Amino acid sequence: MHMDWDDLRFLLAVAKSGTLSAAAKELKVEHTTVSRRLKRLETTLARPLFVVDSAGYRLTAFGEEAARRAAAMDDHARSIAETPRGDERFAGPIRLTTARALASGYLLPRLLEFAKAHPGIELTLLADARVLSLARREADIAVRLGRPEDSDLIGSRVADIEYAYFCSPAIAERVLDGAPFAFVDYEIGNDGREAGWIAQRHPGARFALRSNNQLLQADAVRDGVGVGLLPKYLARDLVRLPWTPTPPKHEIWVMTRRDLTDVPSVRLLLDALGRWFRTDREVF
């Protein structure tokens, strides 16, 4: 078997995007080139890598195993390319993914300082409602809520997010005295564990604002719109109300792929993230 290792790049690109055109755009070639290289690889391996249907290109069972091994090869090649030289030890791209509220409400100023201190590192912050996959190489480091289920990832629990009822100082006295007020809550249909908590425990409650964005909820509470069930780290300038029960805490985990733990720049950011969260445990 004489396999062109470069053909594996085309396998990975199509596996990631699901279409020839998207893979061609990523690889900066024509889609016909992608198709030709895939067919050559399948001929060499004597087995199909993809099933093509109306949804695009889906990996066969053999294709999934081939893509997994090809990704590991690509990771090793990347680690060779990123081997540091002297003062270039901390350099190269890092893609970090996390929830929007955690990115804006806590991580952003720390990451900006990190970027200034290490100009050789090209940091991309992916603050997304969608959970990006480290295994599919959509990101290098993830800061996630909840214990990871993927055993191929390396991670550590760095903090716990506590939820409580908060309101602005301007309305706190009236709320505590029993005056009428409204709630700020999640949009109806949100599948988070906090969504629906207020409605279930405060039947007949009035809602002034609903949003799928915790930052917007916190801003509304800050402006005196009503009482919100917020993560503690977003409510440091608000008044905490002594109401119970509140939702269970969210575990915060910092994770990466096993093959990246020895990349100096990735290790540097992992250590920084762990240090920030552990130092600020009380914030959460």
Protein backbone atom coordinates (compact mmCIF):
# COMPACT_ATOMS: atom_id res chain seq x y z
CA MET A 1 0.00 0.00 0.00
CA HIS A 2 1.44 3.34 -1.09
CA MET A 3 -0.76 5.96 0.55
CA ASP A 4 -0.17 9.66 0.08
CA TRP A 5 -0.34 11.05 3.61
CA ASP A 6 -1.44 14.40 2.21
CA ASP A 7 -4.73 12.76 1.15
CA LEU A 8 -5.58 12.48 4.85
CA ARG A 9 -5.93 16.27 5.01
CA PHE A 10 -8.82 15.96 2.55
CA LEU A 11 -10.42 13.22 4.64
CA LEU A 12 -10.28 15.42 7.74
CA ALA A 13 -11.61 18.50 5.96
CA VAL A 14 -14.65 16.67 4.54
CA ALA A 15 -15.26 14.89 7.86
CA LYS A 16 -15.32 18.26 9.61
CA SER A 17 -17.49 20.17 7.13
CA GLY A 18 -19.65 17.44 5.62
CA THR A 19 -19.45 18.88 2.09
CA LEU A 20 -16.92 19.02 -0.73
CA SER A 21 -17.39 22.74 -1.27
CA ALA A 22 -16.75 23.66 2.36
CA ALA A 23 -13.70 21.39 2.49
CA ALA A 24 -12.42 22.91 -0.75
CA LYS A 25 -12.80 26.41 0.70
CA GLU A 26 -10.88 25.42 3.83
CA LEU A 27 -8.09 23.76 1.83
CA LYS A 28 -8.08 26.51 -0.84
CA VAL A 29 -8.55 24.08 -3.76
CA GLU A 30 -11.31 23.25 -6.24
CA HIS A 31 -14.06 20.91 -5.05
CA THR A 32 -13.15 18.56 -7.91
CA THR A 33 -9.70 18.22 -6.34
CA VAL A 34 -11.25 17.24 -3.03
CA SER A 35 -13.43 14.64 -4.75
CA ARG A 36 -10.47 13.21 -6.67
CA ARG A 37 -8.25 12.97 -3.61
CA LEU A 38 -10.99 11.23 -1.60
CA LYS A 39 -11.58 8.69 -4.34
CA ARG A 40 -7.85 8.02 -4.57
CA LEU A 41 -7.66 7.47 -0.81
CA GLU A 42 -10.66 5.12 -0.84
CA THR A 43 -9.09 3.19 -3.71
CA THR A 44 -5.82 2.88 -1.81
CA LEU A 45 -7.58 1.73 1.35
CA ALA A 46 -9.98 -0.51 -0.61
CA ARG A 47 -12.88 0.60 1.58
CA PRO A 48 -15.39 3.46 1.47
CA LEU A 49 -14.82 6.35 3.85
CA PHE A 50 -18.09 8.22 3.34
CA VAL A 51 -21.75 7.66 2.59
CA VAL A 52 -23.22 10.44 0.46
CA ASP A 53 -26.85 11.44 0.95
CA SER A 54 -29.01 14.57 0.89
CA ALA A 55 -27.41 15.78 4.13
CA GLY A 56 -23.91 15.63 2.67
CA TYR A 57 -20.95 13.38 3.36
CA ARG A 58 -21.25 11.09 6.40
CA LEU A 59 -18.38 8.94 7.63
CA THR A 60 -18.73 5.18 7.48
CA ALA A 61 -17.63 3.19 10.54
CA PHE A 62 -14.27 2.65 8.90
CA GLY A 63 -14.18 6.33 7.92
CA GLU A 64 -14.68 7.39 11.54
CA GLU A 65 -11.77 5.25 12.67
CA ALA A 66 -9.60 6.48 9.79
CA ALA A 67 -10.48 10.11 10.58
CA ARG A 68 -9.68 9.61 14.27
CA ARG A 69 -6.24 8.22 13.44
CA ALA A 70 -5.63 10.87 10.81
CA ALA A 71 -6.49 13.58 13.34
CA ALA A 72 -3.96 12.11 15.76
CA MET A 73 -1.32 12.17 13.00
CA ASP A 74 -2.20 15.76 12.21
CA ASP A 75 -1.91 16.69 15.88
CA HIS A 76 1.55 15.15 16.10
CA ALA A 77 2.59 17.00 12.95
CA ARG A 78 1.33 20.23 14.49
CA SER A 79 3.27 19.60 17.69
CA ILE A 80 6.43 19.14 15.61
CA ALA A 81 5.76 22.37 13.74
CA GLU A 82 5.16 24.20 17.02
CA THR A 83 8.31 22.96 18.71
CA PRO A 84 9.66 26.16 20.27
CA ARG A 85 12.93 27.83 19.41
CA GLY A 86 14.39 29.90 22.20
CA ASP A 87 12.22 32.96 22.84
CA GLU A 88 9.53 31.60 20.49
CA ARG A 89 8.51 29.04 23.10
CA PHE A 90 5.05 30.52 23.58
CA ALA A 91 3.73 31.04 20.07
CA GLY A 92 1.09 29.82 17.67
CA PRO A 93 -2.72 29.76 17.45
CA ILE A 94 -5.02 28.68 20.30
CA ARG A 95 -8.81 28.44 19.96
CA LEU A 96 -10.68 28.67 23.26
CA THR A 97 -14.40 28.02 23.51
CA THR A 98 -16.77 28.84 26.37
CA ALA A 99 -20.27 30.10 27.13
CA ARG A 100 -21.07 33.71 26.18
CA ALA A 101 -21.81 34.89 29.71
CA LEU A 102 -18.64 33.37 31.13
CA ALA A 103 -16.59 34.88 28.30
CA SER A 104 -17.92 38.42 28.69
CA GLY A 105 -18.65 38.38 32.40
CA TYR A 106 -15.36 36.93 33.61
CA LEU A 107 -12.78 35.69 31.12
CA LEU A 108 -12.41 38.52 28.60
CA PRO A 109 -10.33 41.02 30.65
CA ARG A 110 -8.03 38.22 31.83
CA LEU A 111 -7.56 36.88 28.32
CA LEU A 112 -6.76 40.37 27.04
CA GLU A 113 -3.98 40.68 29.64
CA PHE A 114 -2.76 37.22 28.69
CA ALA A 115 -2.67 38.23 25.00
CA LYS A 116 -0.68 41.37 25.79
CA ALA A 117 1.82 39.41 27.86
CA HIS A 118 2.30 36.77 25.14
CA PRO A 119 2.11 38.49 21.74
CA GLY A 120 3.39 35.38 19.95
CA ILE A 121 0.19 33.50 20.80
CA GLU A 122 -2.71 34.00 18.37
CA LEU A 123 -5.74 33.64 20.63
CA THR A 124 -9.24 33.06 19.25
CA LEU A 125 -12.12 33.29 21.74
CA LEU A 126 -15.22 31.40 20.62
CA ALA A 127 -18.12 32.51 22.82
CA ASP A 128 -20.89 30.36 21.44
CA ALA A 129 -24.25 29.00 22.56
CA ARG A 130 -23.35 25.84 20.61
CA VAL A 131 -20.99 23.44 22.37
CA LEU A 132 -17.95 23.16 20.11
CA SER A 133 -16.14 19.84 19.90
CA LEU A 134 -12.51 19.50 20.92
CA ALA A 135 -12.40 16.00 19.47
CA ARG A 136 -13.45 17.36 16.06
CA ARG A 137 -10.78 20.07 16.39
CA GLU A 138 -13.30 22.93 16.46
CA ALA A 139 -11.35 24.31 19.44
CA ASP A 140 -8.18 23.55 21.43
CA ILE A 141 -9.32 24.46 24.95
CA ALA A 142 -12.83 24.49 26.39
CA VAL A 143 -14.14 26.10 29.57
CA ARG A 144 -17.42 24.27 30.11
CA LEU A 145 -20.23 23.98 32.61
CA GLY A 146 -20.54 20.40 33.82
CA ARG A 147 -18.35 17.34 34.03
CA PRO A 148 -16.98 16.23 30.62
CA GLU A 149 -18.22 12.93 29.19
CA ASP A 150 -15.46 12.46 26.60
CA SER A 151 -12.78 10.23 28.14
CA ASP A 152 -10.28 11.29 25.46
CA LEU A 153 -10.10 14.80 26.95
CA ILE A 154 -7.89 15.98 29.77
CA GLY A 155 -9.61 18.33 32.20
CA SER A 156 -9.92 19.61 35.74
CA ARG A 157 -12.72 21.09 37.80
CA VAL A 158 -11.69 24.64 38.68
CA ALA A 159 -14.76 26.24 40.31
CA ASP A 160 -18.51 25.97 40.93
CA ILE A 161 -21.08 28.55 39.81
CA GLU A 162 -23.67 29.40 42.45
CA TYR A 163 -27.10 30.83 41.56
CA ALA A 164 -29.24 33.10 43.75
CA TYR A 165 -32.02 35.69 43.53
CA PHE A 166 -30.75 39.25 42.99
CA CYS A 167 -32.21 42.72 42.52
CA SER A 168 -30.86 46.25 42.20
CA PRO A 169 -30.15 48.30 45.35
CA ALA A 170 -32.83 50.76 44.21
CA ILE A 171 -35.68 48.29 44.66
CA ALA A 172 -34.22 45.95 47.31
CA GLU A 173 -35.97 47.51 50.30
CA ARG A 174 -39.38 47.47 48.60
CA VAL A 175 -38.94 43.86 47.45
CA LEU A 176 -37.93 42.72 50.94
CA ASP A 177 -40.90 44.59 52.42
CA GLY A 178 -43.26 42.59 50.23
CA ALA A 179 -44.15 45.24 47.63
CA PRO A 180 -45.21 43.90 44.21
CA PHE A 181 -42.39 43.24 41.75
CA ALA A 182 -41.72 41.40 38.51
CA PHE A 183 -39.15 38.76 37.58
CA VAL A 184 -36.47 38.74 34.90
CA ASP A 185 -36.17 35.20 33.58
CA TYR A 186 -35.14 32.90 30.74
CA GLU A 187 -37.11 32.67 27.54
CA ILE A 188 -39.86 30.06 27.53
CA GLY A 189 -38.54 26.81 26.09
CA ASN A 190 -34.94 27.32 27.19
CA ASP A 191 -33.54 23.91 28.20
CA GLY A 192 -31.11 25.07 30.91
CA ARG A 193 -31.63 23.79 34.44
CA GLU A 194 -32.42 27.34 35.68
CA ALA A 195 -35.09 27.88 33.03
CA GLY A 196 -38.51 27.32 34.56
CA TRP A 197 -37.18 27.42 38.12
CA ILE A 198 -38.94 30.69 38.98
CA ALA A 199 -42.25 29.72 37.39
CA GLN A 200 -42.31 26.41 39.24
CA ARG A 201 -41.54 27.92 42.65
CA HIS A 202 -43.41 31.22 42.27
CA PRO A 203 -46.77 30.34 40.72
CA GLY A 204 -48.62 33.38 39.48
CA ALA A 205 -45.42 35.45 39.26
CA ARG A 206 -45.29 38.37 36.83
CA PHE A 207 -42.41 38.50 34.34
CA ALA A 208 -41.15 41.85 33.08
CA LEU A 209 -38.51 40.44 30.72
CA ARG A 210 -37.39 37.10 29.35
CA SER A 211 -34.11 36.49 27.55
CA ASN A 212 -31.84 33.61 26.54
CA ASN A 213 -28.83 35.79 27.41
CA GLN A 214 -27.67 35.94 31.04
CA LEU A 215 -25.77 39.17 30.45
CA LEU A 216 -28.96 40.87 29.27
CA GLN A 217 -30.83 39.46 32.26
CA ALA A 218 -28.20 40.86 34.64
CA ASP A 219 -28.36 44.27 32.93
CA ALA A 220 -32.15 44.31 33.27
CA VAL A 221 -31.95 43.47 36.97
CA ARG A 222 -29.26 46.13 37.39
CA ASP A 223 -31.63 48.69 35.83
CA GLY A 224 -34.34 47.85 38.36
CA VAL A 225 -36.62 45.98 35.96
CA GLY A 226 -37.14 43.18 38.46
CA VAL A 227 -35.70 40.24 40.38
CA GLY A 228 -33.52 37.74 38.56
CA LEU A 229 -32.11 34.29 39.23
CA LEU A 230 -28.49 34.92 38.28
CA PRO A 231 -25.05 33.36 38.58
CA LYS A 232 -23.19 34.99 41.44
CA TYR A 233 -20.26 36.16 39.28
CA LEU A 234 -22.58 38.34 37.15
CA ALA A 235 -24.24 39.98 40.16
CA ARG A 236 -21.40 41.39 42.24
CA ASP A 237 -22.96 44.89 42.32
CA LEU A 238 -26.49 43.65 43.06
CA VAL A 239 -28.36 42.83 46.27
CA ARG A 240 -28.67 39.14 47.04
CA LEU A 241 -32.10 38.17 48.34
CA PRO A 242 -32.31 35.50 51.07
CA TRP A 243 -34.68 33.28 49.11
CA THR A 244 -34.43 29.52 48.77
CA PRO A 245 -34.31 27.03 47.22
CA THR A 246 -31.94 27.85 44.38
CA PRO A 247 -30.69 25.62 41.54
CA PRO A 248 -27.75 23.25 42.06
CA LYS A 249 -24.31 24.69 41.38
CA HIS A 250 -22.69 24.33 37.95
CA GLU A 251 -19.22 22.79 37.90
CA ILE A 252 -16.69 24.66 35.73
CA TRP A 253 -14.21 22.45 33.89
CA VAL A 254 -11.17 23.42 31.82
CA MET A 255 -10.39 20.82 29.16
CA THR A 256 -8.17 20.08 26.19
CA ARG A 257 -7.16 17.14 24.01
CA ARG A 258 -4.46 14.82 25.31
CA ASP A 259 -2.16 15.54 22.37
CA LEU A 260 -2.12 19.28 23.17
CA THR A 261 -1.01 19.07 26.80
CA ASP A 262 2.66 19.15 25.80
CA VAL A 263 2.32 22.18 23.50
CA PRO A 264 3.96 24.99 25.54
CA SER A 265 1.52 27.75 24.56
CA VAL A 266 -1.50 25.56 25.29
CA ARG A 267 0.00 24.46 28.61
CA LEU A 268 0.61 28.10 29.50
CA LEU A 269 -3.03 29.07 28.92
CA LEU A 270 -4.34 25.98 30.71
CA ASP A 271 -2.26 26.87 33.76
CA ALA A 272 -3.44 30.49 33.62
CA LEU A 273 -7.11 29.47 33.41
CA GLY A 274 -6.77 27.12 36.36
CA ARG A 275 -5.01 29.81 38.39
CA TRP A 276 -7.63 32.47 37.61
CA PHE A 277 -10.59 30.32 38.53
CA ARG A 278 -9.07 28.87 41.67
CA THR A 279 -8.01 32.31 42.87
CA ASP A 280 -11.52 33.67 42.25
CA ARG A 281 -13.55 30.77 43.61
CA GLU A 282 -15.44 33.13 45.93
CA VAL A 283 -16.51 35.23 42.93
CA PHE A 284 -18.55 32.31 41.67
